[in-house]
C-alpha atoms as a PDB file:
ATOM      1  CA  TRP A   1     -25.690  53.886  18.465  1.00  0.00           C
ATOM      2  CA  LEU A   2     -25.661  50.482  16.784  1.00  0.00           C
ATOM      3  CA  GLN A   3     -22.072  49.946  17.933  1.00  0.00           C
ATOM      4  CA  VAL A   4     -23.075  50.728  21.514  1.00  0.00           C
ATOM      5  CA  ILE A   5     -25.948  48.225  21.357  1.00  0.00           C
ATOM      6  CA  THR A   6     -23.739  45.551  19.786  1.00  0.00           C
ATOM      7  CA  ARG A   7     -21.006  46.044  22.400  1.00  0.00           C
ATOM      8  CA  THR A   8     -23.576  45.923  25.223  1.00  0.00           C
ATOM      9  CA  ILE A   9     -25.094  42.705  23.904  1.00  0.00           C
ATOM     10  CA  ASP A  10     -21.644  41.097  23.539  1.00  0.00           C
ATOM     11  CA  GLU A  11     -20.736  42.036  27.119  1.00  0.00           C
ATOM     12  CA  ASP A  12     -24.053  40.817  28.471  1.00  0.00           C
ATOM     13  CA  VAL A  13     -23.922  37.322  26.930  1.00  0.00           C
ATOM     14  CA  PRO A  14     -21.090  35.646  28.790  1.00  0.00           C
ATOM     15  CA  ILE A  15     -21.723  32.007  27.952  1.00  0.00           C
ATOM     16  CA  VAL A  16     -22.383  30.014  24.839  1.00  0.00           C
ATOM     17  CA  PRO A  17     -23.301  26.324  25.204  1.00  0.00           C
ATOM     18  CA  ASP A  18     -19.877  24.779  24.503  1.00  0.00           C
ATOM     19  CA  ASP A  19     -17.730  27.494  26.082  1.00  0.00           C
ATOM     20  CA  GLU A  20     -16.110  27.259  29.489  1.00  0.00           C
ATOM     21  CA  LEU A  21     -15.570  30.489  31.376  1.00  0.00           C
ATOM     22  CA  VAL A  22     -12.895  30.631  34.070  1.00  0.00           C
ATOM     23  CA  PHE A  23     -12.980  33.095  36.965  1.00  0.00           C
ATOM     24  CA  MET A  24     -10.260  33.582  39.588  1.00  0.00           C
ATOM     25  CA  VAL A  25     -11.924  33.963  42.978  1.00  0.00           C
ATOM     26  CA  LYS A  26     -10.874  34.446  46.580  1.00  0.00           C
ATOM     27  CA  PRO A  27     -12.909  32.258  48.959  1.00  0.00           C
ATOM     28  CA  ARG A  28     -14.029  34.262  51.971  1.00  0.00           C
ATOM     29  CA  THR A  29     -16.536  31.744  53.370  1.00  0.00           C
ATOM     30  CA  ASP A  30     -16.144  27.996  52.869  1.00  0.00           C
ATOM     31  CA  PRO A  31     -18.182  25.767  55.203  1.00  0.00           C
ATOM     32  CA  THR A  32     -16.289  22.675  53.999  1.00  0.00           C
ATOM     33  CA  GLN A  33     -12.844  24.145  54.699  1.00  0.00           C
ATOM     34  CA  GLN A  34     -11.518  22.572  51.477  1.00  0.00           C
ATOM     35  CA  LEU A  35     -10.519  25.851  49.820  1.00  0.00           C
ATOM     36  CA  ILE A  36      -7.662  28.164  50.733  1.00  0.00           C
ATOM     37  CA  LYS A  37      -9.383  31.194  52.195  1.00  0.00           C
ATOM     38  CA  ASN A  38      -8.374  34.777  51.521  1.00  0.00           C
ATOM     39  CA  GLU A  39      -6.156  33.934  48.521  1.00  0.00           C
ATOM     40  CA  TYR A  40      -6.797  34.002  44.786  1.00  0.00           C
ATOM     41  CA  SER A  41      -5.900  30.311  44.500  1.00  0.00           C
ATOM     42  CA  THR A  42      -9.367  29.122  43.482  1.00  0.00           C
ATOM     43  CA  VAL A  43     -11.003  29.118  40.063  1.00  0.00           C
ATOM     44  CA  MET A  44     -14.642  28.697  39.165  1.00  0.00           C
ATOM     45  CA  LYS A  45     -15.248  27.164  35.739  1.00  0.00           C
ATOM     46  CA  VAL A  46     -18.710  27.737  34.314  1.00  0.00           C
ATOM     47  CA  SER A  47     -19.761  25.447  31.473  1.00  0.00           C
ATOM     48  CA  ALA A  48     -22.931  24.100  29.930  1.00  0.00           C
ATOM     49  CA  SER A  49     -22.934  21.172  32.376  1.00  0.00           C
ATOM     50  CA  GLY A  50     -22.390  23.117  35.606  1.00  0.00           C
ATOM     51  CA  VAL A  51     -19.833  24.908  37.750  1.00  0.00           C
ATOM     52  CA  ALA A  52     -16.539  23.370  38.834  1.00  0.00           C
ATOM     53  CA  VAL A  53     -14.654  24.853  41.780  1.00  0.00           C
ATOM     54  CA  CYS A  54     -10.936  24.073  41.635  1.00  0.00           C
ATOM     55  CA  SER A  55      -7.947  24.924  43.810  1.00  0.00           C
ATOM     56  CA  THR A  56      -4.647  25.750  42.201  1.00  0.00           C
ATOM     57  CA  ALA A  57      -1.476  24.620  43.918  1.00  0.00           C
ATOM     58  CA  GLY A  58       2.222  24.281  43.328  1.00  0.00           C
ATOM     59  CA  ALA A  59       4.574  26.267  41.155  1.00  0.00           C
ATOM     60  CA  GLU A  60       2.975  24.913  37.999  1.00  0.00           C
ATOM     61  CA  GLY A  61      -0.522  25.912  39.120  1.00  0.00           C
ATOM     62  CA  GLU A  62      -1.961  22.412  39.015  1.00  0.00           C
ATOM     63  CA  GLU A  63      -5.718  22.370  39.534  1.00  0.00           C
ATOM     64  CA  ALA A  64      -7.642  20.000  41.764  1.00  0.00           C
ATOM     65  CA  GLU A  65     -11.417  19.948  41.485  1.00  0.00           C
ATOM     66  CA  LYS A  66     -12.989  20.377  44.924  1.00  0.00           C
ATOM     67  CA  PHE A  67     -16.653  20.672  43.938  1.00  0.00           C
ATOM     68  CA  PHE A  68     -18.816  20.256  40.894  1.00  0.00           C
ATOM     69  CA  TRP A  69     -22.261  21.785  41.092  1.00  0.00           C
ATOM     70  CA  CYS A  70     -24.881  20.973  38.486  1.00  0.00           C
ATOM     71  CA  TYR A  71     -27.210  23.906  37.921  1.00  0.00           C
ATOM     72  CA  THR A  72     -29.933  22.125  39.903  1.00  0.00           C
ATOM     73  CA  ASP A  73     -27.610  22.173  42.945  1.00  0.00           C
ATOM     74  CA  PHE A  74     -27.902  25.969  43.222  1.00  0.00           C
ATOM     75  CA  PHE A  75     -30.415  27.242  45.750  1.00  0.00           C
ATOM     76  CA  LYS A  76     -29.543  30.885  45.139  1.00  0.00           C
ATOM     77  CA  TRP A  77     -26.676  33.186  44.231  1.00  0.00           C
ATOM     78  CA  SER A  78     -26.251  36.931  44.379  1.00  0.00           C
ATOM     79  CA  VAL A  79     -23.743  39.696  43.897  1.00  0.00           C
ATOM     80  CA  LEU A  80     -22.985  41.711  47.018  1.00  0.00           C
ATOM     81  CA  TYR A  81     -20.332  43.887  48.584  1.00  0.00           C
ATOM     82  CA  HIS A  82     -18.202  42.309  51.301  1.00  0.00           C
ATOM     83  CA  ASN A  83     -16.010  44.801  53.169  1.00  0.00           C
ATOM     84  CA  GLY A  84     -16.510  47.244  50.289  1.00  0.00           C
ATOM     85  CA  LYS A  85     -15.442  44.786  47.568  1.00  0.00           C
ATOM     86  CA  GLN A  86     -17.590  42.920  45.065  1.00  0.00           C
ATOM     87  CA  ALA A  87     -18.295  39.267  45.823  1.00  0.00           C
ATOM     88  CA  LEU A  88     -20.564  36.411  44.822  1.00  0.00           C
ATOM     89  CA  SER A  89     -22.624  34.656  47.465  1.00  0.00           C
ATOM     90  CA  VAL A  90     -23.578  31.092  46.521  1.00  0.00           C
ATOM     91  CA  SER A  91     -25.943  28.755  48.325  1.00  0.00           C
ATOM     92  CA  VAL A  92     -25.967  25.111  47.173  1.00  0.00           C
ATOM     93  CA  PHE A  93     -28.043  22.127  48.197  1.00  0.00           C
ATOM     94  CA  THR A  94     -26.208  19.371  50.073  1.00  0.00           C
ATOM     95  CA  SER A  95     -28.850  16.673  49.714  1.00  0.00           C
ATOM     96  CA  GLY A  96     -30.495  15.045  46.740  1.00  0.00           C
ATOM     97  CA  ASP A  97     -33.983  15.895  47.976  1.00  0.00           C
ATOM     98  CA  PHE A  98     -33.273  19.644  47.580  1.00  0.00           C
ATOM     99  CA  ASP A  99     -34.184  20.433  51.170  1.00  0.00           C
ATOM    100  CA  SER A 100     -33.702  24.189  51.569  1.00  0.00           C
ATOM    101  CA  LYS A 101     -32.471  23.627  55.140  1.00  0.00           C
ATOM    102  CA  ALA A 102     -29.696  21.325  53.909  1.00  0.00           C
ATOM    103  CA  ARG A 103     -27.431  23.711  52.058  1.00  0.00           C
ATOM    104  CA  GLN A 104     -23.999  25.307  52.227  1.00  0.00           C
ATOM    105  CA  GLU A 105     -23.242  29.011  51.917  1.00  0.00           C
ATOM    106  CA  PHE A 106     -20.071  30.119  50.110  1.00  0.00           C
ATOM    107  CA  LEU A 107     -18.719  33.612  49.541  1.00  0.00           C
ATOM    108  CA  PHE A 108     -16.233  34.274  46.732  1.00  0.00           C
ATOM    109  CA  ARG A 109     -14.606  37.666  46.266  1.00  0.00           C
ATOM    110  CA  THR A 110     -14.005  38.653  42.665  1.00  0.00           C
ATOM    111  CA  ARG A 111     -14.120  41.822  40.609  1.00  0.00           C
ATOM    112  CA  GLU A 112     -16.033  39.803  38.021  1.00  0.00           C
ATOM    113  CA  ALA A 113     -18.854  38.836  40.393  1.00  0.00           C
ATOM    114  CA  GLN A 114     -21.533  40.234  38.082  1.00  0.00           C
ATOM    115  CA  LYS A 115     -20.186  38.335  35.047  1.00  0.00           C
ATOM    116  CA  LEU A 116     -19.910  35.162  37.118  1.00  0.00           C
ATOM    117  CA  ALA A 117     -23.496  35.496  38.375  1.00  0.00           C
ATOM    118  CA  THR A 118     -24.724  36.153  34.834  1.00  0.00           C
ATOM    119  CA  ALA A 119     -22.827  33.124  33.517  1.00  0.00           C
ATOM    120  CA  ILE A 120     -24.494  30.934  36.159  1.00  0.00           C
ATOM    121  CA  GLU A 121     -27.908  32.349  35.236  1.00  0.00           C
ATOM    122  CA  TYR A 122     -27.387  31.689  31.514  1.00  0.00           C
ATOM    123  CA  GLY A 123     -26.040  28.220  32.274  1.00  0.00           C
ATOM    124  CA  ARG A 124     -29.143  27.406  34.318  1.00  0.00           C
ATOM    125  CA  ARG A 125     -31.383  28.631  31.532  1.00  0.00           C
ATOM    126  CA  GLY A 126     -29.469  26.548  28.998  1.00  0.00           C
ATOM    127  CA  ALA A 127     -29.649  23.466  31.224  1.00  0.00           C
ATOM    128  CA  ARG A 128     -33.421  23.849  31.602  1.00  0.00           C
ATOM    129  CA  GLY A 129     -33.798  24.247  27.845  1.00  0.00           C
ATOM    130  CA  ALA A 130     -31.684  21.144  27.204  1.00  0.00           C
ATOM    131  CA  ARG A 131     -33.881  19.051  29.540  1.00  0.00           C
ATOM    132  CA  ARG A 132     -37.016  20.118  27.695  1.00  0.00           C
ATOM    133  CA  GLY A 133     -35.564  19.317  24.265  1.00  0.00           C
END
C-alpha cells in the first residue's frame, strides 16, 4: 500500500519550481485567431513564471510564442468534455485592471487536460508563495 501511495503522490505533483512541463494541445476555440485550430500544432509550456502558448511550424517544428500568461492573468480554467473528448477551458484577462468582462476564452483539446489544469494550479500556488516570500 505504500507503493500505491507513493505512485499516487508522484502522479499528482506535476510541477516543481524549476521544471517546465510541455503539453501538446489542439486549439478548438481561439478568439485571437493566432493559433492553428483543430491541429496538434500548439504546445503549452507550464513553468514557475507562467504559461507560454507556442505554435509549431515547418518541417523542423520551430516554435513561435504566441502568448505568455502570468498566473495572475488567469481568470479561471477547467477540465471539460468537448464532443466527448477531454479538453481544457481557459479564461484569461485582457486588461491590466483585471476586469472580469475583459477576458478571452480559449479551449484546448488534450488527453492530458487534468495534468495541465493541475500544473496551472500548482504554478499559481507557487507564484503566490514566491510573492509572499
